[in-house]
Amino acid sequence: MNTARHDYLLRFGDNALILSQRLAEWCGKGPALEEDMALTNTALDLLGQARLWLSLAAEQAGDGADEDTLAYLRDDRAFRNVLLVEQPNGSYASTLARQFLFDAWSSLALRRLLVSSDAAIAAIAEKAVKEVGYHLRRSSDLMVRLGDGTERSHALLQAALDQVWPYHHELFTGDAVDTEMTAAGIGFDPASLRDDWLAYVREVLAEATLSLPKDSGWRPKGGKQGLHSEHLSKLLAEMQVLPRSHPGARW
């Protein structure tokens, strides 16, 4: 088994799965009915993407596992999502800032995967890039509306952006898996996305009258290698409790 490819698939699948779970926590608690529905729909889109990535990873492993096994029966150290997506929702401003930074990266990443030499990966990217394009338009629009809104909405969003900003660095930090996938034409060098990502983020923040956060030098990482914050353990405890408590149960 090509372990690098398997790990690569898990990274995209886990990013989508964990962010989906975070957004699902807003269901019934959104700041407005329309936004409650939008957050839930985005969570469902990401869940669908997670199923595609994890199903392909399970197929490659060939050990009888499926997407449910990978979602519900792995411990936190086996997850490969970046630290950004596992951060708690916090306020609505915190959720929006996290979503915007991730959407801007995900849109670029999926476009790169459209030309992957791996036909199965390119096919998933082709489906997901349309959904993520909508997610990015929505989160960008909300950044502008709230950033250039009231004095309070501006202050809350700027504080949220400052808090989540250090976690974006991991999105552009490569390792041996990225190097192997890039050399094979399957994936891409994460660092190659940074300039386009930053240019887009700067443009949106300028329109939103928000300041680009200063780099404090703190750059948390390790999620792609299975080193996570305590937040992921708590999230998984809730997400996995039923299948772990009732192994093999079916609706």
C-alpha atoms as a PDB file:
ATOM      1  CA  MET A   1       0.000   0.000   0.000  1.00  0.00           C
ATOM      2  CA  ASN A   2       1.192   3.495  -0.827  1.00  0.00           C
ATOM      3  CA  THR A   3       1.168   4.858   2.702  1.00  0.00           C
ATOM      4  CA  ALA A   4       1.874   8.427   1.562  1.00  0.00           C
ATOM      5  CA  ARG A   5      -1.203   8.432  -0.694  1.00  0.00           C
ATOM      6  CA  HIS A   6      -3.320   6.934   2.088  1.00  0.00           C
ATOM      7  CA  ASP A   7      -2.129   9.594   4.513  1.00  0.00           C
ATOM      8  CA  TYR A   8      -2.758  12.287   1.917  1.00  0.00           C
ATOM      9  CA  LEU A   9      -6.357  11.149   1.472  1.00  0.00           C
ATOM     10  CA  LEU A  10      -6.871  11.132   5.229  1.00  0.00           C
ATOM     11  CA  ARG A  11      -5.681  14.726   5.458  1.00  0.00           C
ATOM     12  CA  PHE A  12      -8.339  16.015   3.091  1.00  0.00           C
ATOM     13  CA  GLY A  13     -10.989  13.723   4.496  1.00  0.00           C
ATOM     14  CA  ASP A  14     -10.249  14.594   8.105  1.00  0.00           C
ATOM     15  CA  ASN A  15     -10.161  18.333   7.418  1.00  0.00           C
ATOM     16  CA  ALA A  16     -13.644  18.114   5.931  1.00  0.00           C
ATOM     17  CA  LEU A  17     -14.980  15.753   8.606  1.00  0.00           C
ATOM     18  CA  ILE A  18     -13.771  17.688  11.634  1.00  0.00           C
ATOM     19  CA  LEU A  19     -14.828  21.082  10.277  1.00  0.00           C
ATOM     20  CA  SER A  20     -18.217  19.577   9.407  1.00  0.00           C
ATOM     21  CA  GLN A  21     -18.624  18.394  12.994  1.00  0.00           C
ATOM     22  CA  ARG A  22     -17.683  21.822  14.318  1.00  0.00           C
ATOM     23  CA  LEU A  23     -20.229  23.574  12.101  1.00  0.00           C
ATOM     24  CA  ALA A  24     -22.909  21.018  12.991  1.00  0.00           C
ATOM     25  CA  GLU A  25     -22.561  22.160  16.606  1.00  0.00           C
ATOM     26  CA  TRP A  26     -24.262  25.397  15.513  1.00  0.00           C
ATOM     27  CA  CYS A  27     -27.425  23.608  14.374  1.00  0.00           C
ATOM     28  CA  GLY A  28     -30.332  25.214  16.193  1.00  0.00           C
ATOM     29  CA  LYS A  29     -28.050  27.849  17.719  1.00  0.00           C
ATOM     30  CA  GLY A  30     -27.261  30.116  14.763  1.00  0.00           C
ATOM     31  CA  PRO A  31     -27.520  33.897  15.190  1.00  0.00           C
ATOM     32  CA  ALA A  32     -30.409  33.987  12.690  1.00  0.00           C
ATOM     33  CA  LEU A  33     -32.592  31.332  11.069  1.00  0.00           C
ATOM     34  CA  GLU A  34     -31.082  31.867   7.615  1.00  0.00           C
ATOM     35  CA  GLU A  35     -27.567  31.602   8.998  1.00  0.00           C
ATOM     36  CA  ASP A  36     -28.479  28.554  11.068  1.00  0.00           C
ATOM     37  CA  MET A  37     -29.548  26.812   7.867  1.00  0.00           C
ATOM     38  CA  ALA A  38     -26.485  28.017   5.940  1.00  0.00           C
ATOM     39  CA  LEU A  39     -24.083  26.700   8.587  1.00  0.00           C
ATOM     40  CA  THR A  40     -25.867  23.353   8.620  1.00  0.00           C
ATOM     41  CA  ASN A  41     -25.819  23.099   4.822  1.00  0.00           C
ATOM     42  CA  THR A  42     -22.115  23.874   4.749  1.00  0.00           C
ATOM     43  CA  ALA A  43     -21.559  21.169   7.356  1.00  0.00           C
ATOM     44  CA  LEU A  44     -23.465  18.693   5.176  1.00  0.00           C
ATOM     45  CA  ASP A  45     -21.412  19.624   2.112  1.00  0.00           C
ATOM     46  CA  LEU A  46     -18.213  19.009   4.042  1.00  0.00           C
ATOM     47  CA  LEU A  47     -19.537  15.723   5.401  1.00  0.00           C
ATOM     48  CA  GLY A  48     -20.246  14.564   1.864  1.00  0.00           C
ATOM     49  CA  GLN A  49     -16.710  15.478   0.845  1.00  0.00           C
ATOM     50  CA  ALA A  50     -15.316  13.664   3.872  1.00  0.00           C
ATOM     51  CA  ARG A  51     -17.148  10.494   2.858  1.00  0.00           C
ATOM     52  CA  LEU A  52     -15.584  10.597  -0.597  1.00  0.00           C
ATOM     53  CA  TRP A  53     -12.034  11.097   0.701  1.00  0.00           C
ATOM     54  CA  LEU A  54     -12.346   8.551   3.500  1.00  0.00           C
ATOM     55  CA  SER A  55     -14.044   5.965   1.281  1.00  0.00           C
ATOM     56  CA  LEU A  56     -11.123   6.199  -1.135  1.00  0.00           C
ATOM     57  CA  ALA A  57      -8.646   5.873   1.739  1.00  0.00           C
ATOM     58  CA  ALA A  58     -10.500   2.813   3.064  1.00  0.00           C
ATOM     59  CA  GLU A  59     -10.598   1.285  -0.415  1.00  0.00           C
ATOM     60  CA  GLN A  60      -6.839   1.649  -0.719  1.00  0.00           C
ATOM     61  CA  ALA A  61      -6.214   0.116   2.713  1.00  0.00           C
ATOM     62  CA  GLY A  62      -8.205  -2.955   1.683  1.00  0.00           C
ATOM     63  CA  ASP A  63      -8.565  -4.170   5.265  1.00  0.00           C
ATOM     64  CA  GLY A  64     -12.352  -4.247   5.402  1.00  0.00           C
ATOM     65  CA  ALA A  65     -12.677  -0.738   6.797  1.00  0.00           C
ATOM     66  CA  ASP A  66     -15.008   1.852   5.316  1.00  0.00           C
ATOM     67  CA  GLU A  67     -15.587   5.578   5.769  1.00  0.00           C
ATOM     68  CA  ASP A  68     -17.563   4.953   8.966  1.00  0.00           C
ATOM     69  CA  THR A  69     -14.741   2.898  10.451  1.00  0.00           C
ATOM     70  CA  LEU A  70     -12.272   5.685   9.729  1.00  0.00           C
ATOM     71  CA  ALA A  71     -14.577   8.356  11.113  1.00  0.00           C
ATOM     72  CA  TYR A  72     -15.734   6.619  14.287  1.00  0.00           C
ATOM     73  CA  LEU A  73     -13.122   4.078  15.315  1.00  0.00           C
ATOM     74  CA  ARG A  74      -9.846   5.968  15.080  1.00  0.00           C
ATOM     75  CA  ASP A  75      -8.244   7.669  18.068  1.00  0.00           C
ATOM     76  CA  ASP A  76      -7.130  11.290  17.866  1.00  0.00           C
ATOM     77  CA  ARG A  77      -3.500  10.422  17.029  1.00  0.00           C
ATOM     78  CA  ALA A  78      -4.709   8.698  13.846  1.00  0.00           C
ATOM     79  CA  PHE A  79      -6.439  11.830  12.546  1.00  0.00           C
ATOM     80  CA  ARG A  80      -4.554  13.979  10.034  1.00  0.00           C
ATOM     81  CA  ASN A  81      -6.542  17.242   9.990  1.00  0.00           C
ATOM     82  CA  VAL A  82      -4.841  20.590  10.499  1.00  0.00           C
ATOM     83  CA  LEU A  83      -5.205  22.230  13.902  1.00  0.00           C
ATOM     84  CA  LEU A  84      -7.225  25.109  12.457  1.00  0.00           C
ATOM     85  CA  VAL A  85     -10.380  23.081  11.845  1.00  0.00           C
ATOM     86  CA  GLU A  86     -10.506  21.505  15.301  1.00  0.00           C
ATOM     87  CA  GLN A  87     -10.478  24.808  17.181  1.00  0.00           C
ATOM     88  CA  PRO A  88     -13.673  25.434  19.201  1.00  0.00           C
ATOM     89  CA  ASN A  89     -16.439  27.477  17.617  1.00  0.00           C
ATOM     90  CA  GLY A  90     -16.282  30.228  20.199  1.00  0.00           C
ATOM     91  CA  SER A  91     -18.445  33.159  19.126  1.00  0.00           C
ATOM     92  CA  TYR A  92     -20.027  33.414  15.694  1.00  0.00           C
ATOM     93  CA  ALA A  93     -17.175  35.777  14.777  1.00  0.00           C
ATOM     94  CA  SER A  94     -14.619  33.104  15.681  1.00  0.00           C
ATOM     95  CA  THR A  95     -16.448  30.507  13.584  1.00  0.00           C
ATOM     96  CA  LEU A  96     -16.610  32.885  10.616  1.00  0.00           C
ATOM     97  CA  ALA A  97     -12.912  33.824  10.791  1.00  0.00           C
ATOM     98  CA  ARG A  98     -11.914  30.150  10.930  1.00  0.00           C
ATOM     99  CA  GLN A  99     -14.212  29.289   8.036  1.00  0.00           C
ATOM    100  CA  PHE A 100     -12.990  32.124   5.837  1.00  0.00           C
ATOM    101  CA  LEU A 101      -9.316  31.254   6.237  1.00  0.00           C
ATOM    102  CA  PHE A 102     -10.003  27.573   5.546  1.00  0.00           C
ATOM    103  CA  ASP A 103     -12.322  28.210   2.588  1.00  0.00           C
ATOM    104  CA  ALA A 104      -9.729  30.438   0.908  1.00  0.00           C
ATOM    105  CA  TRP A 105      -7.136  27.666   1.231  1.00  0.00           C
ATOM    106  CA  SER A 106      -9.471  24.803   0.316  1.00  0.00           C
ATOM    107  CA  SER A 107     -10.609  26.501  -2.881  1.00  0.00           C
ATOM    108  CA  LEU A 108      -7.008  26.825  -4.068  1.00  0.00           C
ATOM    109  CA  ALA A 109      -6.048  23.310  -2.960  1.00  0.00           C
ATOM    110  CA  LEU A 110      -8.948  21.650  -4.763  1.00  0.00           C
ATOM    111  CA  ARG A 111      -8.196  23.547  -7.956  1.00  0.00           C
ATOM    112  CA  ARG A 112      -4.682  22.142  -7.851  1.00  0.00           C
ATOM    113  CA  LEU A 113      -6.045  18.631  -7.381  1.00  0.00           C
ATOM    114  CA  LEU A 114      -8.217  18.978 -10.488  1.00  0.00           C
ATOM    115  CA  VAL A 115      -5.081  18.202 -12.517  1.00  0.00           C
ATOM    116  CA  SER A 116      -3.861  15.414 -10.226  1.00  0.00           C
ATOM    117  CA  SER A 117      -2.346  12.420 -12.010  1.00  0.00           C
ATOM    118  CA  ASP A 118      -4.577  10.297  -9.757  1.00  0.00           C
ATOM    119  CA  ALA A 119      -7.943  10.130 -11.542  1.00  0.00           C
ATOM    120  CA  ALA A 120      -9.875   9.244  -8.378  1.00  0.00           C
ATOM    121  CA  ILE A 121      -8.480  12.247  -6.495  1.00  0.00           C
ATOM    122  CA  ALA A 122      -9.134  14.566  -9.443  1.00  0.00           C
ATOM    123  CA  ALA A 123     -12.746  13.349  -9.582  1.00  0.00           C
ATOM    124  CA  ILE A 124     -13.347  14.146  -5.908  1.00  0.00           C
ATOM    125  CA  ALA A 125     -11.767  17.561  -6.367  1.00  0.00           C
ATOM    126  CA  GLU A 126     -14.025  18.268  -9.343  1.00  0.00           C
ATOM    127  CA  LYS A 127     -17.112  17.659  -7.237  1.00  0.00           C
ATOM    128  CA  ALA A 128     -15.884  19.399  -4.098  1.00  0.00           C
ATOM    129  CA  VAL A 129     -14.478  22.530  -5.745  1.00  0.00           C
ATOM    130  CA  LYS A 130     -17.960  23.695  -6.760  1.00  0.00           C
ATOM    131  CA  GLU A 131     -19.272  23.444  -3.204  1.00  0.00           C
ATOM    132  CA  VAL A 132     -16.204  25.088  -1.699  1.00  0.00           C
ATOM    133  CA  GLY A 133     -16.454  27.907  -4.229  1.00  0.00           C
ATOM    134  CA  TYR A 134     -19.878  28.682  -2.778  1.00  0.00           C
ATOM    135  CA  HIS A 135     -18.551  28.374   0.776  1.00  0.00           C
ATOM    136  CA  LEU A 136     -15.807  30.883  -0.017  1.00  0.00           C
ATOM    137  CA  ARG A 137     -18.190  33.396  -1.603  1.00  0.00           C
ATOM    138  CA  ARG A 138     -20.445  33.164   1.419  1.00  0.00           C
ATOM    139  CA  SER A 139     -17.749  33.463   4.071  1.00  0.00           C
ATOM    140  CA  SER A 140     -16.049  36.300   2.167  1.00  0.00           C
ATOM    141  CA  ASP A 141     -19.312  38.211   1.902  1.00  0.00           C
ATOM    142  CA  LEU A 142     -19.988  37.813   5.613  1.00  0.00           C
ATOM    143  CA  MET A 143     -16.469  38.965   6.477  1.00  0.00           C
ATOM    144  CA  VAL A 144     -17.139  42.166   4.552  1.00  0.00           C
ATOM    145  CA  ARG A 145     -20.643  42.696   5.926  1.00  0.00           C
ATOM    146  CA  LEU A 146     -19.606  42.244   9.550  1.00  0.00           C
ATOM    147  CA  GLY A 147     -16.149  43.757   9.297  1.00  0.00           C
ATOM    148  CA  ASP A 148     -17.549  46.892   7.708  1.00  0.00           C
ATOM    149  CA  GLY A 149     -20.727  46.739   9.785  1.00  0.00           C
ATOM    150  CA  THR A 150     -21.229  48.115  13.248  1.00  0.00           C
ATOM    151  CA  GLU A 151     -18.442  49.116  15.589  1.00  0.00           C
ATOM    152  CA  ARG A 152     -19.165  46.041  17.708  1.00  0.00           C
ATOM    153  CA  SER A 153     -19.259  43.563  14.803  1.00  0.00           C
ATOM    154  CA  HIS A 154     -15.991  45.001  13.499  1.00  0.00           C
ATOM    155  CA  ALA A 155     -14.271  44.688  16.884  1.00  0.00           C
ATOM    156  CA  LEU A 156     -15.492  41.133  17.468  1.00  0.00           C
ATOM    157  CA  LEU A 157     -14.426  39.952  14.017  1.00  0.00           C
ATOM    158  CA  GLN A 158     -11.000  41.597  14.239  1.00  0.00           C
ATOM    159  CA  ALA A 159     -10.380  39.953  17.628  1.00  0.00           C
ATOM    160  CA  ALA A 160     -11.504  36.578  16.267  1.00  0.00           C
ATOM    161  CA  LEU A 161      -9.263  36.904  13.225  1.00  0.00           C
ATOM    162  CA  ASP A 162      -6.275  37.819  15.383  1.00  0.00           C
ATOM    163  CA  GLN A 163      -6.879  34.769  17.575  1.00  0.00           C
ATOM    164  CA  VAL A 164      -7.197  32.187  14.802  1.00  0.00           C
ATOM    165  CA  TRP A 165      -4.524  33.652  12.515  1.00  0.00           C
ATOM    166  CA  PRO A 166      -1.505  31.661  13.822  1.00  0.00           C
ATOM    167  CA  TYR A 167      -3.157  28.392  12.809  1.00  0.00           C
ATOM    168  CA  HIS A 168      -3.143  29.240   9.099  1.00  0.00           C
ATOM    169  CA  HIS A 169       0.607  28.607   8.801  1.00  0.00           C
ATOM    170  CA  GLU A 170       0.160  24.832   9.006  1.00  0.00           C
ATOM    171  CA  LEU A 171      -1.876  24.899   5.788  1.00  0.00           C
ATOM    172  CA  PHE A 172       1.268  25.902   3.901  1.00  0.00           C
ATOM    173  CA  THR A 173       3.823  23.768   5.730  1.00  0.00           C
ATOM    174  CA  GLY A 174       4.866  20.675   3.803  1.00  0.00           C
ATOM    175  CA  ASP A 175       6.428  17.413   4.940  1.00  0.00           C
ATOM    176  CA  ALA A 176       7.634  14.117   3.440  1.00  0.00           C
ATOM    177  CA  VAL A 177       4.094  13.109   2.425  1.00  0.00           C
ATOM    178  CA  ASP A 178       3.569  16.353   0.517  1.00  0.00           C
ATOM    179  CA  THR A 179       6.960  15.987  -1.144  1.00  0.00           C
ATOM    180  CA  GLU A 180       6.203  12.445  -2.334  1.00  0.00           C
ATOM    181  CA  MET A 181       2.744  13.337  -3.596  1.00  0.00           C
ATOM    182  CA  THR A 182       4.085  16.391  -5.430  1.00  0.00           C
ATOM    183  CA  ALA A 183       6.863  14.375  -7.076  1.00  0.00           C
ATOM    184  CA  ALA A 184       4.310  11.806  -8.250  1.00  0.00           C
ATOM    185  CA  GLY A 185       2.067  14.489  -9.748  1.00  0.00           C
ATOM    186  CA  ILE A 186      -0.704  13.495  -7.369  1.00  0.00           C
ATOM    187  CA  GLY A 187      -0.581  16.506  -5.063  1.00  0.00           C
ATOM    188  CA  PHE A 188       1.073  19.886  -4.739  1.00  0.00           C
ATOM    189  CA  ASP A 189       3.598  21.794  -2.671  1.00  0.00           C
ATOM    190  CA  PRO A 190       1.567  23.490   0.106  1.00  0.00           C
ATOM    191  CA  ALA A 191       3.882  26.503   0.138  1.00  0.00           C
ATOM    192  CA  SER A 192       3.032  27.221  -3.503  1.00  0.00           C
ATOM    193  CA  LEU A 193      -0.510  28.233  -2.485  1.00  0.00           C
ATOM    194  CA  ARG A 194       0.483  30.857   0.038  1.00  0.00           C
ATOM    195  CA  ASP A 195       0.969  33.884  -2.234  1.00  0.00           C
ATOM    196  CA  ASP A 196      -2.411  33.480  -3.960  1.00  0.00           C
ATOM    197  CA  TRP A 197      -4.110  32.764  -0.639  1.00  0.00           C
ATOM    198  CA  LEU A 198      -2.604  35.804   1.025  1.00  0.00           C
ATOM    199  CA  ALA A 199      -3.454  38.068  -1.907  1.00  0.00           C
ATOM    200  CA  TYR A 200      -7.107  37.006  -1.739  1.00  0.00           C
ATOM    201  CA  VAL A 201      -7.283  37.308   2.053  1.00  0.00           C
ATOM    202  CA  ARG A 202      -5.745  40.794   1.905  1.00  0.00           C
ATOM    203  CA  GLU A 203      -8.298  41.874  -0.691  1.00  0.00           C
ATOM    204  CA  VAL A 204     -11.272  40.710   1.359  1.00  0.00           C
ATOM    205  CA  LEU A 205      -9.926  42.132   4.612  1.00  0.00           C
ATOM    206  CA  ALA A 206      -9.310  45.505   2.979  1.00  0.00           C
ATOM    207  CA  GLU A 207     -12.915  45.631   1.778  1.00  0.00           C
ATOM    208  CA  ALA A 208     -14.034  44.567   5.249  1.00  0.00           C
ATOM    209  CA  THR A 209     -11.933  47.356   6.833  1.00  0.00           C
ATOM    210  CA  LEU A 210     -10.140  44.687   8.869  1.00  0.00           C
ATOM    211  CA  SER A 211      -6.412  44.625   9.537  1.00  0.00           C
ATOM    212  CA  LEU A 212      -4.201  41.733   8.501  1.00  0.00           C
ATOM    213  CA  PRO A 213      -3.035  40.229  11.812  1.00  0.00           C
ATOM    214  CA  LYS A 214       0.629  40.600  12.715  1.00  0.00           C
ATOM    215  CA  ASP A 215       2.756  37.461  12.767  1.00  0.00           C
ATOM    216  CA  SER A 216       3.598  36.817  16.421  1.00  0.00           C
ATOM    217  CA  GLY A 217       6.078  34.094  15.544  1.00  0.00           C
ATOM    218  CA  TRP A 218       3.879  31.419  17.131  1.00  0.00           C
ATOM    219  CA  ARG A 219       3.054  28.871  14.433  1.00  0.00           C
ATOM    220  CA  PRO A 220       1.255  25.840  15.913  1.00  0.00           C
ATOM    221  CA  LYS A 221       1.491  22.700  13.809  1.00  0.00           C
ATOM    222  CA  GLY A 222       1.497  18.921  14.022  1.00  0.00           C
ATOM    223  CA  GLY A 223      -2.086  18.101  13.086  1.00  0.00           C
ATOM    224  CA  LYS A 224      -1.074  16.565   9.756  1.00  0.00           C
ATOM    225  CA  GLN A 225       1.224  14.206  11.667  1.00  0.00           C
ATOM    226  CA  GLY A 226      -1.398  13.298  14.285  1.00  0.00           C
ATOM    227  CA  LEU A 227      -0.325  15.718  17.027  1.00  0.00           C
ATOM    228  CA  HIS A 228      -3.489  17.528  18.067  1.00  0.00           C
ATOM    229  CA  SER A 229      -4.835  19.883  20.686  1.00  0.00           C
ATOM    230  CA  GLU A 230      -7.095  18.688  23.493  1.00  0.00           C
ATOM    231  CA  HIS A 231     -10.007  20.121  21.508  1.00  0.00           C
ATOM    232  CA  LEU A 232      -9.967  17.229  19.042  1.00  0.00           C
ATOM    233  CA  SER A 233     -10.186  14.620  21.804  1.00  0.00           C
ATOM    234  CA  LYS A 234     -13.296  16.276  23.201  1.00  0.00           C
ATOM    235  CA  LEU A 235     -14.851  16.600  19.748  1.00  0.00           C
ATOM    236  CA  LEU A 236     -14.227  12.922  18.965  1.00  0.00           C
ATOM    237  CA  ALA A 237     -15.618  11.819  22.320  1.00  0.00           C
ATOM    238  CA  GLU A 238     -18.956  13.326  21.370  1.00  0.00           C
ATOM    239  CA  MET A 239     -18.865  12.377  17.680  1.00  0.00           C
ATOM    240  CA  GLN A 240     -17.868   8.751  18.296  1.00  0.00           C
ATOM    241  CA  VAL A 241     -19.801   7.868  21.432  1.00  0.00           C
ATOM    242  CA  LEU A 242     -22.651   5.919  19.776  1.00  0.00           C
ATOM    243  CA  PRO A 243     -20.662   3.654  17.432  1.00  0.00           C
ATOM    244  CA  ARG A 244     -18.108   2.984  20.173  1.00  0.00           C
ATOM    245  CA  SER A 245     -20.795   2.246  22.761  1.00  0.00           C
ATOM    246  CA  HIS A 246     -22.785   0.014  20.390  1.00  0.00           C
ATOM    247  CA  PRO A 247     -20.306  -1.652  17.990  1.00  0.00           C
ATOM    248  CA  GLY A 248     -21.878  -2.848  14.768  1.00  0.00           C
ATOM    249  CA  ALA A 249     -25.241  -1.222  15.499  1.00  0.00           C
ATOM    250  CA  ARG A 250     -27.419  -0.297  12.502  1.00  0.00           C
ATOM    251  CA  TRP A 251     -30.370   2.047  12.225  1.00  0.00           C
END
